[in-house]
N, C-alpha and C. Protein backbone atom coordinates (compact mmCIF):
# COMPACT_ATOMS: atom_id res chain seq x y z
N MET A 1 1.58 -1.47 0.20
CA MET A 1 -0.03 -0.17 -0.08
C MET A 1 1.21 1.00 0.12
N SER A 2 0.66 2.62 -1.05
CA SER A 2 1.46 3.31 -1.30
C SER A 2 1.08 4.19 0.29
N THR A 3 1.46 5.43 0.10
CA THR A 3 1.42 6.32 0.94
C THR A 3 1.24 7.68 0.62
N VAL A 4 0.51 8.66 0.94
CA VAL A 4 0.83 9.88 0.64
C VAL A 4 1.15 11.35 1.69
N ASN A 5 1.32 12.37 1.11
CA ASN A 5 1.56 13.00 2.32
C ASN A 5 0.22 13.68 2.78
N VAL A 6 0.76 13.86 3.82
CA VAL A 6 -0.66 15.20 3.81
C VAL A 6 -0.72 16.49 4.75
N THR A 7 -1.13 17.52 4.40
CA THR A 7 -0.37 18.75 5.17
C THR A 7 -1.81 18.92 5.85
N ILE A 8 -1.45 19.78 7.25
CA ILE A 8 -2.19 19.88 7.96
C ILE A 8 -1.72 21.04 8.70
N ARG A 9 -2.61 21.85 8.77
CA ARG A 9 -2.56 23.35 9.31
C ARG A 9 -3.14 23.69 10.52
N MET A 10 -2.33 24.21 12.07
CA MET A 10 -2.88 24.57 13.17
C MET A 10 -2.31 25.27 13.69
N ASP A 11 -2.87 25.92 14.96
CA ASP A 11 -1.80 26.32 15.97
C ASP A 11 -0.65 25.71 16.33
N GLU A 12 0.64 26.47 16.71
CA GLU A 12 1.91 25.74 16.65
C GLU A 12 1.33 25.29 18.38
N THR A 13 0.91 26.16 19.17
CA THR A 13 0.51 25.60 20.42
C THR A 13 -0.14 24.87 20.66
N LEU A 14 -1.27 23.91 20.10
CA LEU A 14 -2.15 22.54 19.82
C LEU A 14 -1.24 21.53 19.07
N LYS A 15 -0.08 22.13 18.72
CA LYS A 15 0.25 21.06 18.30
C LYS A 15 1.51 19.87 19.03
N GLN A 16 1.87 21.45 19.67
CA GLN A 16 2.80 21.02 21.33
C GLN A 16 2.51 20.36 21.80
N GLN A 17 0.83 20.42 22.03
CA GLN A 17 0.00 19.63 22.95
C GLN A 17 0.00 18.36 22.77
N ALA A 18 -0.36 18.21 21.43
CA ALA A 18 -0.93 16.68 20.66
C ALA A 18 0.48 16.07 20.38
N ASP A 19 1.56 16.82 19.80
CA ASP A 19 2.85 16.11 19.91
C ASP A 19 2.99 15.46 21.58
N GLU A 20 2.55 15.99 22.47
CA GLU A 20 2.90 15.33 24.04
C GLU A 20 1.97 14.73 24.06
N LEU A 21 1.00 14.70 24.45
CA LEU A 21 0.19 13.72 24.54
C LEU A 21 0.01 12.68 23.60
N PHE A 22 -0.19 12.42 22.39
CA PHE A 22 0.22 11.24 21.89
C PHE A 22 1.26 10.78 21.73
N GLY A 23 2.98 11.41 21.87
CA GLY A 23 4.25 10.75 22.56
C GLY A 23 3.88 9.82 23.57
N ASP A 24 3.28 10.30 24.56
CA ASP A 24 2.33 9.75 25.88
C ASP A 24 1.98 8.06 25.76
N PHE A 25 1.32 8.42 24.79
CA PHE A 25 0.74 6.75 24.62
C PHE A 25 1.54 6.08 23.07
N GLY A 26 2.69 6.32 22.61
CA GLY A 26 4.20 6.19 21.82
C GLY A 26 3.51 6.18 20.39
N LEU A 27 2.77 7.38 20.18
CA LEU A 27 2.36 7.67 18.70
C LEU A 27 3.18 8.90 18.43
N SER A 28 3.03 8.73 17.47
CA SER A 28 3.32 9.96 16.34
C SER A 28 1.75 10.86 16.14
N LEU A 29 2.35 12.23 15.83
CA LEU A 29 0.91 13.12 14.97
C LEU A 29 0.43 11.96 14.74
N SER A 30 1.60 11.77 13.20
CA SER A 30 0.29 10.95 12.24
C SER A 30 0.25 9.98 12.19
N ALA A 31 0.71 8.98 13.39
CA ALA A 31 0.01 7.96 13.60
C ALA A 31 -1.41 8.14 14.35
N ALA A 32 -1.06 9.25 15.02
CA ALA A 32 -2.57 9.37 15.84
C ALA A 32 -3.94 10.05 14.44
N PHE A 33 -3.05 10.90 13.60
CA PHE A 33 -4.60 11.55 12.81
C PHE A 33 -4.31 9.62 11.76
N THR A 34 -4.09 9.22 11.46
CA THR A 34 -4.08 8.21 10.90
C THR A 34 -5.19 7.10 11.72
N MET A 35 -4.80 7.12 13.05
CA MET A 35 -5.85 6.46 13.62
C MET A 35 -7.37 6.78 13.66
N PHE A 36 -7.38 8.35 13.52
CA PHE A 36 -8.68 9.12 13.76
C PHE A 36 -9.21 8.44 12.56
N ALA A 37 -8.32 8.49 10.96
CA ALA A 37 -8.93 8.32 10.04
C ALA A 37 -9.58 7.05 9.73
N LYS A 38 -9.45 5.99 9.99
CA LYS A 38 -9.10 4.39 10.57
C LYS A 38 -10.72 4.75 10.78
N GLN A 39 -10.65 4.99 12.27
CA GLN A 39 -11.85 4.90 12.84
C GLN A 39 -12.82 5.17 11.89
N ALA A 40 -12.71 7.19 11.79
CA ALA A 40 -13.96 7.58 11.09
C ALA A 40 -14.43 6.47 9.83
N VAL A 41 -13.81 5.86 8.71
CA VAL A 41 -13.63 5.44 7.78
C VAL A 41 -14.85 4.21 8.48
N ARG A 42 -14.19 3.21 9.20
CA ARG A 42 -14.46 2.29 9.49
C ARG A 42 -16.32 2.01 10.81
N GLU A 43 -15.88 3.44 11.17
CA GLU A 43 -17.44 3.73 11.32
C GLU A 43 -18.33 4.76 10.81
N GLN A 44 -18.03 5.44 9.76
CA GLN A 44 -18.77 6.20 9.27
C GLN A 44 -19.48 7.13 9.72
N ARG A 45 -18.31 8.10 10.65
CA ARG A 45 -19.02 8.95 11.09
C ARG A 45 -17.66 9.70 11.56
N ILE A 46 -17.77 10.67 12.18
CA ILE A 46 -16.74 11.46 13.37
C ILE A 46 -17.07 10.87 14.48
N PRO A 47 -15.76 9.86 15.10
CA PRO A 47 -15.44 8.64 15.87
C PRO A 47 -15.94 9.66 17.48
N PHE A 48 -16.32 11.11 17.37
CA PHE A 48 -17.02 11.58 18.85
C PHE A 48 -18.13 12.39 18.70
N GLU A 49 -18.62 12.96 19.65
CA GLU A 49 -19.84 13.63 19.46
C GLU A 49 -19.51 15.25 19.19
N ILE A 50 -19.62 15.87 18.60
CA ILE A 50 -19.82 17.52 18.40
C ILE A 50 -20.64 18.24 18.31
N THR A 51 -20.70 19.42 19.17
CA THR A 51 -21.67 20.25 19.44
C THR A 51 -21.26 21.37 18.80
N ARG A 52 -21.95 22.13 19.34
CA ARG A 52 -21.65 23.67 19.06
C ARG A 52 -20.83 24.05 20.98
N ASN A 53 -21.59 23.81 21.20
CA ASN A 53 -20.20 24.28 22.52
C ASN A 53 -18.63 23.32 22.40
N SER A 54 -19.24 22.16 22.10
CA SER A 54 -17.60 21.65 22.07
C SER A 54 -16.16 22.40 21.06
N ILE A 55 -16.73 23.39 20.64
CA ILE A 55 -16.09 24.41 19.30
C ILE A 55 -15.13 25.28 20.12
N SER A 56 -15.78 25.50 21.13
CA SER A 56 -15.67 27.19 22.12
C SER A 56 -13.82 26.81 22.31
N VAL A 57 -13.42 27.83 22.98
CA VAL A 57 -12.05 27.38 23.13
C VAL A 57 -12.12 26.79 24.90
N ALA A 58 -11.56 25.78 25.62
CA ALA A 58 -12.26 25.77 26.45
C ALA A 58 -10.39 26.10 27.35
N PRO A 59 -11.01 25.85 28.98
CA PRO A 59 -9.77 25.87 29.92
C PRO A 59 -8.75 24.85 29.48
N ASP A 60 -7.29 25.13 30.07
CA ASP A 60 -6.36 23.32 29.90
C ASP A 60 -6.81 22.98 30.44
N ALA A 61 -7.65 22.92 31.86
CA ALA A 61 -8.36 21.52 32.55
C ALA A 61 -9.15 21.16 32.02
N ALA A 62 -9.89 21.85 31.38
CA ALA A 62 -11.38 21.65 30.57
C ALA A 62 -10.87 20.51 29.74
N LEU A 63 -9.86 21.59 28.84
CA LEU A 63 -9.17 20.32 28.03
C LEU A 63 -8.45 19.33 28.12
N LYS A 64 -7.58 19.15 29.08
CA LYS A 64 -6.68 17.84 29.61
C LYS A 64 -8.34 17.05 29.55
N ALA A 65 -9.30 17.35 29.89
CA ALA A 65 -10.66 16.51 30.76
C ALA A 65 -10.79 15.87 29.48
N ALA A 66 -11.68 16.83 28.62
CA ALA A 66 -11.81 16.20 27.88
C ALA A 66 -11.09 15.34 26.62
N SER A 67 -9.84 15.61 26.37
CA SER A 67 -8.63 14.57 26.07
C SER A 67 -9.13 13.74 26.29
N LYS A 68 -9.16 13.30 27.92
CA LYS A 68 -8.77 12.07 29.09
C LYS A 68 -10.60 11.31 28.21
N LYS A 69 -11.00 11.70 28.74
CA LYS A 69 -12.64 11.37 28.15
C LYS A 69 -12.36 10.63 26.93
N LEU A 70 -11.91 11.18 25.74
CA LEU A 70 -11.68 10.81 24.65
C LEU A 70 -11.36 8.60 24.31
N ILE A 71 -9.89 9.54 24.96
CA ILE A 71 -9.35 8.40 24.36
C ILE A 71 -9.40 7.77 25.53
N ASP A 72 -10.10 7.64 26.89
CA ASP A 72 -11.08 6.27 27.68
C ASP A 72 -11.47 5.86 26.72
N GLN A 73 -12.51 6.14 26.03
CA GLN A 73 -14.09 5.71 25.11
C GLN A 73 -13.01 5.29 24.03
N ASN A 74 -11.53 5.61 23.45
CA ASN A 74 -11.09 4.80 22.33
C ASN A 74 -9.85 3.74 22.33
N THR A 75 -9.99 3.42 23.88
CA THR A 75 -9.10 2.58 24.43
C THR A 75 -8.95 0.74 23.21
N GLU A 76 -10.03 0.95 23.61
CA GLU A 76 -10.40 -0.48 22.59
C GLU A 76 -10.76 -0.26 21.21
N ALA A 77 -10.98 0.79 20.45
CA ALA A 77 -10.91 0.86 19.36
C ALA A 77 -9.57 0.99 18.35
N TYR A 78 -7.86 1.43 19.70
CA TYR A 78 -7.31 1.68 19.00
C TYR A 78 -6.61 -0.05 19.16
N GLY A 79 -7.02 -0.78 20.10
CA GLY A 79 -6.76 -2.37 20.04
C GLY A 79 -6.95 -2.47 19.06
N GLU A 80 -7.96 -2.36 18.83
CA GLU A 80 -8.74 -3.07 16.89
C GLU A 80 -7.54 -2.75 16.13
N LEU A 81 -7.15 -1.32 16.01
CA LEU A 81 -6.56 -0.50 15.01
C LEU A 81 -5.19 -1.22 14.31
N ALA A 82 -4.83 -1.15 15.80
CA ALA A 82 -3.13 -1.81 16.72
C ALA A 82 -3.28 -3.71 15.44
N LYS A 83 -4.03 -4.14 15.64
CA LYS A 83 -3.88 -5.39 15.19
C LYS A 83 -3.39 -5.65 14.04
C-alpha cells in the first residue's frame, strides 16, 4: 500500500500539546491522525460527538479532561486498529 503526504495547519501550541499527548501513548502525530481517519471510515462518522459548545475554547484543565475522556472511550478501538 502506498502512502501520500497530507498537510494539516493548526495552532503551534495545539500541535505541541498534541505531540506531547500522543507521545505519551507512543504515537506520532501522523499515527494518531491515521488512527482517527481509520476509525472514522470504519464507523462512517466522526468518532466523537461534535456540538456547538464543544467548538468553544476550553481552559487547559477542561481540555485535558475532555481529551482523557476521549482517550478512555477509544482505548478499545485503538486495540482493534493496532492489530
